[in-house]
Protein backbone atom coordinates (compact mmCIF):
# COMPACT_ATOMS: atom_id res chain seq x y z
CA MET A 1 -14.07 -26.53 23.91
CA ILE A 2 -10.67 -25.80 25.48
CA ARG A 3 -8.95 -28.01 22.88
CA ARG A 4 -10.66 -26.15 20.07
CA PHE A 5 -9.56 -22.82 21.54
CA SER A 6 -5.96 -24.09 21.89
CA PHE A 7 -6.02 -25.23 18.27
CA ILE A 8 -7.24 -21.79 17.14
CA LEU A 9 -4.48 -20.07 19.13
CA ALA A 10 -1.84 -22.39 17.66
CA ALA A 11 -3.16 -21.79 14.13
CA ALA A 12 -3.13 -18.03 14.66
CA ALA A 13 0.46 -18.16 15.92
CA GLY A 14 1.48 -20.18 12.89
CA LEU A 15 -0.17 -17.73 10.52
CA SER A 16 1.52 -14.77 12.18
CA ALA A 17 4.88 -16.48 11.68
CA CYS A 18 4.05 -16.84 7.97
CA VAL A 19 3.26 -13.15 7.72
CA ALA A 20 6.55 -12.23 9.40
CA GLY A 21 8.41 -14.46 6.97
CA ALA A 22 6.62 -12.86 4.02
CA ASP A 23 7.81 -9.44 5.16
CA GLN A 24 11.40 -10.66 5.10
CA VAL A 25 10.95 -12.09 1.62
CA THR A 26 9.52 -8.84 0.20
CA GLY A 27 12.36 -6.77 1.70
CA ARG A 28 10.24 -4.78 4.16
CA ALA A 29 12.67 -5.70 6.93
CA ASP A 30 15.46 -4.04 4.92
CA PHE A 31 13.66 -0.70 4.61
CA ASN A 32 16.40 1.95 4.63
CA PRO A 33 15.09 5.24 3.19
CA SER A 34 17.03 8.41 2.56
CA TYR A 35 15.11 11.55 3.52
CA GLY A 36 16.02 14.44 1.21
CA GLY A 37 14.49 17.36 3.04
CA ILE A 38 11.40 19.39 3.78
CA GLN A 39 10.38 22.76 2.36
CA THR A 40 7.59 24.61 4.12
CA VAL A 41 5.42 27.32 2.56
CA LEU A 42 2.79 29.22 4.55
CA LEU A 43 -0.08 29.59 2.09
CA GLU A 44 -2.61 31.62 4.03
CA GLY A 45 -3.47 31.88 7.71
CA ASP A 46 -3.39 28.34 9.06
CA LEU A 47 -2.90 26.61 5.68
CA VAL A 48 0.62 25.23 5.16
CA ASN A 49 2.23 23.43 2.20
CA PHE A 50 5.00 20.87 2.75
CA HIS A 51 7.27 19.62 -0.04
CA VAL A 52 9.21 16.49 0.92
CA THR A 53 11.70 14.39 -1.02
CA MET A 54 13.06 10.96 -0.32
CA GLN A 55 14.63 7.89 -1.87
CA GLY A 56 14.01 4.28 -0.98
CA ALA A 57 10.31 4.65 -0.20
CA ARG A 58 8.35 1.40 -0.34
CA ASP A 59 5.25 3.17 -1.59
CA ARG A 60 3.30 6.43 -1.33
CA GLY A 61 2.52 5.66 2.32
CA ASP A 62 6.13 6.34 3.27
CA VAL A 63 6.01 9.73 1.54
CA ASP A 64 2.67 10.52 3.22
CA ALA A 65 4.21 9.68 6.60
CA TYR A 66 7.16 12.01 5.95
CA GLY A 67 4.77 14.87 5.12
CA ARG A 68 2.65 14.11 8.19
CA CYS A 69 5.75 14.23 10.40
CA ALA A 70 6.76 17.58 8.90
CA ALA A 71 3.27 19.00 9.52
CA ALA A 72 3.20 17.80 13.12
CA GLN A 73 6.58 19.34 13.96
CA TYR A 74 5.65 22.60 12.21
CA ALA A 75 2.45 22.81 14.26
CA LEU A 76 4.44 22.41 17.48
CA ILE A 77 7.03 25.00 16.41
CA ARG A 78 4.21 27.49 15.80
CA GLY A 79 2.68 26.76 19.21
CA PHE A 80 -0.23 24.67 17.93
CA GLY A 81 -1.20 21.18 18.99
CA PHE A 82 -3.08 19.85 15.99
CA ALA A 83 -3.09 19.58 12.23
CA ARG A 84 -5.65 18.44 9.68
CA HIS A 85 -4.69 16.82 6.41
CA VAL A 86 -6.12 18.58 3.34
CA ARG A 87 -4.37 16.76 0.47
CA THR A 88 -1.16 15.04 -0.58
CA SER A 89 0.16 14.48 -4.10
CA VAL A 90 2.96 11.97 -4.57
CA ALA A 91 5.17 11.42 -7.60
CA GLU A 92 8.04 9.00 -8.19
CA THR A 93 10.70 9.13 -10.89
CA SER A 94 13.59 6.66 -11.00
CA GLY A 95 13.39 5.98 -7.26
CA ASN A 96 13.16 9.67 -6.31
CA TRP A 97 9.92 10.34 -4.46
CA ARG A 98 8.33 13.79 -4.02
CA GLY A 99 5.40 14.67 -1.83
CA ASP A 100 3.35 17.85 -1.93
CA ALA A 101 1.16 17.94 1.19
CA VAL A 102 -1.19 20.61 2.52
CA TYR A 103 -2.30 20.76 6.15
CA THR A 104 -4.12 23.23 8.35
CA ILE A 105 -2.69 23.80 11.82
CA SER A 106 -4.70 24.78 14.88
CA ALA A 107 -4.59 25.07 18.64
CA ALA A 108 -7.81 23.08 19.11
CA LEU A 109 -8.72 19.74 17.57
CA PRO A 110 -10.06 20.63 14.12
CA ARG A 111 -13.19 19.15 12.62
CA GLY A 112 -12.72 16.35 10.15
CA ILE A 113 -11.52 12.78 10.07
CA HIS A 114 -7.91 13.33 8.99
CA THR A 115 -6.67 15.12 12.11
CA ILE A 116 -3.43 14.54 13.95
CA ASP A 117 -2.28 15.28 17.47
CA ALA A 118 1.05 16.97 16.77
CA GLU A 119 2.81 15.94 19.97
CA VAL A 120 1.85 12.27 19.65
CA THR A 121 2.71 12.24 15.94
CA VAL A 122 6.17 13.78 16.41
CA ARG A 123 6.93 11.20 19.11
CA ASP A 124 5.76 8.40 16.78
CA CYS A 125 7.86 9.79 13.91
CA GLY A 126 10.94 9.74 16.12
CA ALA A 127 10.27 6.13 17.11
CA GLN A 128 10.02 5.21 13.41
CA GLY A 129 13.16 7.16 12.47
CA ILE A 130 11.28 9.64 10.28
CA PRO A 131 12.82 13.12 10.51
CA THR A 132 10.77 16.24 11.14
CA ILE A 133 11.57 19.86 10.37
């Protein structure tokens, strides 16, 4: 039984090395985006619209993350601790990415499944090198 477990651990380690190598082949290790800026528009009450632009995004997930970071920092600036994602539209033209995200901000954890803790998110954005407002 112990040999079988050791074999499974060795196989898992080998597979994880393959995954790491695949990331290097696809260029994910060379991810070097250029963040173009954030425009913030207060729509009504606690509803806020964020327009973000960037170049060098790998996919829409990078643009979503930029919008999420903007929303988290905005919530903190306004004295709130939470935000809830309403929607995000992403468009890309010739390597120029644009995101149009809408969030609600609140002092208490809002209902819904797409909520973020602003303080934790801003800290995570900083660790990932994603700018905030």
